[in-house]
């Protein structure tokens, strides 16, 4: 994976794409994973949002993708090969559950801390490579 891809796409989607391209994930497994992601998104939207509006369904998709991504990152320790193995053997629902547990753990730390993080100081511009340069020089 290239650094530019890592910055612009969730880890989970990159792992699914790489696993499919490498033949590590069968087409049937990829279809099953996509279906599970859709089902979880609709469930989140129907339980917590409104499935009448498309933007609410999109929000459900974003929540599921973010939580599953967080879980996969936590379980795999950011290792792509380990992530593929986890998805293949444990499944995407396992990643979602791990992500939800991590979210609950982080939420307990300090809700006020997350409110104090300024989006302008947190977000990195699309052409800003300062974070990458600092990794190289360290």
C-alpha atoms as a PDB file:
ATOM      1  CA  UNK A   1       0.000   0.000   0.000  1.00  0.00           C
ATOM      2  CA  UNK A   2       1.158   3.502  -0.763  1.00  0.00           C
ATOM      3  CA  UNK A   3       1.209   6.250   1.855  1.00  0.00           C
ATOM      4  CA  UNK A   4      -1.201   8.374  -0.209  1.00  0.00           C
ATOM      5  CA  UNK A   5      -3.751   5.530  -0.149  1.00  0.00           C
ATOM      6  CA  UNK A   6      -3.324   5.122   3.586  1.00  0.00           C
ATOM      7  CA  UNK A   7      -4.111   8.779   4.139  1.00  0.00           C
ATOM      8  CA  UNK A   8      -7.195   8.899   1.921  1.00  0.00           C
ATOM      9  CA  UNK A   9      -9.002   5.609   2.648  1.00  0.00           C
ATOM     10  CA  UNK A  10      -9.918   3.683   5.785  1.00  0.00           C
ATOM     11  CA  UNK A  11      -7.570   0.814   6.667  1.00  0.00           C
ATOM     12  CA  UNK A  12     -10.462  -1.657   6.477  1.00  0.00           C
ATOM     13  CA  UNK A  13     -11.295  -0.775   2.866  1.00  0.00           C
ATOM     14  CA  UNK A  14      -7.645  -0.977   1.835  1.00  0.00           C
ATOM     15  CA  UNK A  15      -7.337  -4.425   3.425  1.00  0.00           C
ATOM     16  CA  UNK A  16     -10.490  -5.645   1.680  1.00  0.00           C
ATOM     17  CA  UNK A  17      -9.259  -4.284  -1.653  1.00  0.00           C
ATOM     18  CA  UNK A  18      -5.772  -5.779  -1.264  1.00  0.00           C
ATOM     19  CA  UNK A  19      -7.116  -9.139  -0.080  1.00  0.00           C
ATOM     20  CA  UNK A  20      -9.482  -9.324  -3.035  1.00  0.00           C
ATOM     21  CA  UNK A  21      -6.816  -8.252  -5.563  1.00  0.00           C
ATOM     22  CA  UNK A  22      -4.308 -10.765  -4.171  1.00  0.00           C
ATOM     23  CA  UNK A  23      -6.866 -13.582  -4.261  1.00  0.00           C
ATOM     24  CA  UNK A  24      -6.628 -13.990  -0.477  1.00  0.00           C
ATOM     25  CA  UNK A  25     -10.360 -13.305  -0.109  1.00  0.00           C
ATOM     26  CA  UNK A  26     -12.694 -15.342  -2.291  1.00  0.00           C
ATOM     27  CA  UNK A  27     -15.444 -13.496  -4.183  1.00  0.00           C
ATOM     28  CA  UNK A  28     -17.959 -15.249  -1.928  1.00  0.00           C
ATOM     29  CA  UNK A  29     -16.223 -13.941   1.208  1.00  0.00           C
ATOM     30  CA  UNK A  30     -16.075 -10.405  -0.189  1.00  0.00           C
ATOM     31  CA  UNK A  31     -19.789 -10.575  -1.015  1.00  0.00           C
ATOM     32  CA  UNK A  32     -20.561 -11.854   2.504  1.00  0.00           C
ATOM     33  CA  UNK A  33     -18.504  -9.069   4.102  1.00  0.00           C
ATOM     34  CA  UNK A  34     -20.209  -6.390   1.997  1.00  0.00           C
ATOM     35  CA  UNK A  35     -23.618  -7.802   2.877  1.00  0.00           C
ATOM     36  CA  UNK A  36     -22.766  -7.831   6.585  1.00  0.00           C
ATOM     37  CA  UNK A  37     -21.589  -4.206   6.416  1.00  0.00           C
ATOM     38  CA  UNK A  38     -24.831  -3.194   4.694  1.00  0.00           C
ATOM     39  CA  UNK A  39     -26.934  -5.098   7.230  1.00  0.00           C
ATOM     40  CA  UNK A  40     -25.099  -3.540  10.187  1.00  0.00           C
ATOM     41  CA  UNK A  41     -25.428  -0.071   8.634  1.00  0.00           C
ATOM     42  CA  UNK A  42     -29.163  -0.466   8.160  1.00  0.00           C
ATOM     43  CA  UNK A  43     -29.510  -1.778  11.701  1.00  0.00           C
ATOM     44  CA  UNK A  44     -27.630   1.214  13.150  1.00  0.00           C
ATOM     45  CA  UNK A  45     -29.708   3.576  11.006  1.00  0.00           C
ATOM     46  CA  UNK A  46     -33.017   1.967  11.910  1.00  0.00           C
ATOM     47  CA  UNK A  47     -32.245   1.783  15.640  1.00  0.00           C
ATOM     48  CA  UNK A  48     -30.624   5.190  16.110  1.00  0.00           C
ATOM     49  CA  UNK A  49     -31.366   7.322  13.061  1.00  0.00           C
ATOM     50  CA  UNK A  50     -34.066   7.410  10.400  1.00  0.00           C
ATOM     51  CA  UNK A  51     -33.977   5.083   7.408  1.00  0.00           C
ATOM     52  CA  UNK A  52     -36.415   7.351   5.578  1.00  0.00           C
ATOM     53  CA  UNK A  53     -33.661   9.807   4.668  1.00  0.00           C
ATOM     54  CA  UNK A  54     -30.686   8.822   2.532  1.00  0.00           C
ATOM     55  CA  UNK A  55     -28.275  10.996   4.511  1.00  0.00           C
ATOM     56  CA  UNK A  56     -29.227   9.109   7.673  1.00  0.00           C
ATOM     57  CA  UNK A  57     -28.506   5.774   5.974  1.00  0.00           C
ATOM     58  CA  UNK A  58     -25.159   7.195   4.831  1.00  0.00           C
ATOM     59  CA  UNK A  59     -24.473   8.218   8.422  1.00  0.00           C
ATOM     60  CA  UNK A  60     -25.197   4.638   9.508  1.00  0.00           C
ATOM     61  CA  UNK A  61     -22.691   3.407   6.920  1.00  0.00           C
ATOM     62  CA  UNK A  62     -20.072   5.858   8.166  1.00  0.00           C
ATOM     63  CA  UNK A  63     -20.601   4.753  11.753  1.00  0.00           C
ATOM     64  CA  UNK A  64     -20.289   1.058  10.921  1.00  0.00           C
ATOM     65  CA  UNK A  65     -17.248   1.615   8.719  1.00  0.00           C
ATOM     66  CA  UNK A  66     -15.563   3.756  11.369  1.00  0.00           C
ATOM     67  CA  UNK A  67     -16.254   1.367  14.238  1.00  0.00           C
ATOM     68  CA  UNK A  68     -15.243  -1.727  12.221  1.00  0.00           C
ATOM     69  CA  UNK A  69     -12.109   0.095  11.053  1.00  0.00           C
ATOM     70  CA  UNK A  70     -11.223   1.019  14.643  1.00  0.00           C
ATOM     71  CA  UNK A  71     -11.700  -2.596  15.703  1.00  0.00           C
ATOM     72  CA  UNK A  72      -9.549  -3.953  12.886  1.00  0.00           C
ATOM     73  CA  UNK A  73      -6.781  -1.477  13.662  1.00  0.00           C
ATOM     74  CA  UNK A  74      -6.891  -2.464  17.327  1.00  0.00           C
ATOM     75  CA  UNK A  75      -6.949  -6.214  16.659  1.00  0.00           C
ATOM     76  CA  UNK A  76      -4.267  -6.209  13.973  1.00  0.00           C
ATOM     77  CA  UNK A  77      -1.970  -3.617  15.534  1.00  0.00           C
ATOM     78  CA  UNK A  78      -1.929  -1.867  12.122  1.00  0.00           C
ATOM     79  CA  UNK A  79      -0.436  -4.958  10.455  1.00  0.00           C
ATOM     80  CA  UNK A  80      -1.955  -5.574   7.000  1.00  0.00           C
ATOM     81  CA  UNK A  81      -1.210  -9.316   6.892  1.00  0.00           C
ATOM     82  CA  UNK A  82      -2.620  -9.844  10.361  1.00  0.00           C
ATOM     83  CA  UNK A  83      -5.676  -7.764   9.421  1.00  0.00           C
ATOM     84  CA  UNK A  84      -6.389  -9.968   6.392  1.00  0.00           C
ATOM     85  CA  UNK A  85      -6.122 -13.076   8.544  1.00  0.00           C
ATOM     86  CA  UNK A  86      -8.485 -11.622  11.162  1.00  0.00           C
ATOM     87  CA  UNK A  87     -11.072 -10.736   8.538  1.00  0.00           C
ATOM     88  CA  UNK A  88     -10.799 -14.150   6.911  1.00  0.00           C
ATOM     89  CA  UNK A  89     -10.942 -16.206  10.106  1.00  0.00           C
ATOM     90  CA  UNK A  90     -12.953 -14.059  12.544  1.00  0.00           C
ATOM     91  CA  UNK A  91     -15.108 -11.962  10.223  1.00  0.00           C
ATOM     92  CA  UNK A  92     -16.150  -8.348   9.946  1.00  0.00           C
ATOM     93  CA  UNK A  93     -18.699  -8.528  12.784  1.00  0.00           C
ATOM     94  CA  UNK A  94     -15.850  -9.485  15.127  1.00  0.00           C
ATOM     95  CA  UNK A  95     -13.981  -6.354  14.023  1.00  0.00           C
ATOM     96  CA  UNK A  96     -17.081  -4.239  14.605  1.00  0.00           C
ATOM     97  CA  UNK A  97     -17.519  -5.628  18.120  1.00  0.00           C
ATOM     98  CA  UNK A  98     -13.852  -4.978  18.927  1.00  0.00           C
ATOM     99  CA  UNK A  99     -14.243  -1.431  17.591  1.00  0.00           C
ATOM    100  CA  UNK A 100     -17.344  -0.841  19.681  1.00  0.00           C
ATOM    101  CA  UNK A 101     -15.505  -2.053  22.783  1.00  0.00           C
ATOM    102  CA  UNK A 102     -12.591   0.277  22.009  1.00  0.00           C
ATOM    103  CA  UNK A 103     -14.987   3.182  21.422  1.00  0.00           C
ATOM    104  CA  UNK A 104     -16.655   2.530  24.783  1.00  0.00           C
ATOM    105  CA  UNK A 105     -13.243   2.405  26.448  1.00  0.00           C
ATOM    106  CA  UNK A 106     -12.145   5.686  24.859  1.00  0.00           C
ATOM    107  CA  UNK A 107     -15.430   7.356  25.701  1.00  0.00           C
ATOM    108  CA  UNK A 108     -14.904   6.551  29.390  1.00  0.00           C
ATOM    109  CA  UNK A 109     -11.466   8.195  29.414  1.00  0.00           C
ATOM    110  CA  UNK A 110     -12.782  11.710  29.193  1.00  0.00           C
ATOM    111  CA  UNK A 111     -15.644  12.962  27.097  1.00  0.00           C
ATOM    112  CA  UNK A 112     -14.539  16.540  27.760  1.00  0.00           C
ATOM    113  CA  UNK A 113     -11.134  15.799  26.213  1.00  0.00           C
ATOM    114  CA  UNK A 114     -12.723  14.882  22.884  1.00  0.00           C
ATOM    115  CA  UNK A 115     -14.839  18.036  22.968  1.00  0.00           C
ATOM    116  CA  UNK A 116     -11.722  20.190  23.442  1.00  0.00           C
ATOM    117  CA  UNK A 117      -9.917  18.917  20.331  1.00  0.00           C
ATOM    118  CA  UNK A 118     -10.174  21.595  17.669  1.00  0.00           C
ATOM    119  CA  UNK A 119     -10.962  20.235  14.228  1.00  0.00           C
ATOM    120  CA  UNK A 120      -8.681  22.829  12.645  1.00  0.00           C
ATOM    121  CA  UNK A 121      -5.703  21.628  14.672  1.00  0.00           C
ATOM    122  CA  UNK A 122      -6.603  17.959  14.352  1.00  0.00           C
ATOM    123  CA  UNK A 123      -7.314  17.649  10.637  1.00  0.00           C
ATOM    124  CA  UNK A 124      -4.434  17.442   8.186  1.00  0.00           C
ATOM    125  CA  UNK A 125      -4.830  19.133   4.827  1.00  0.00           C
ATOM    126  CA  UNK A 126      -4.823  16.866   1.792  1.00  0.00           C
ATOM    127  CA  UNK A 127      -1.467  18.202   0.586  1.00  0.00           C
ATOM    128  CA  UNK A 128       0.104  18.529   4.036  1.00  0.00           C
ATOM    129  CA  UNK A 129       2.838  15.915   4.429  1.00  0.00           C
ATOM    130  CA  UNK A 130       4.329  17.185   7.701  1.00  0.00           C
ATOM    131  CA  UNK A 131       3.138  14.091   9.556  1.00  0.00           C
ATOM    132  CA  UNK A 132       4.806  11.793   7.019  1.00  0.00           C
ATOM    133  CA  UNK A 133       8.040  13.810   6.977  1.00  0.00           C
ATOM    134  CA  UNK A 134       8.224  13.624  10.766  1.00  0.00           C
ATOM    135  CA  UNK A 135       8.021   9.807  10.576  1.00  0.00           C
ATOM    136  CA  UNK A 136      10.884   9.688   8.083  1.00  0.00           C
ATOM    137  CA  UNK A 137      13.169  12.019  10.039  1.00  0.00           C
ATOM    138  CA  UNK A 138      12.506  10.342  13.391  1.00  0.00           C
END
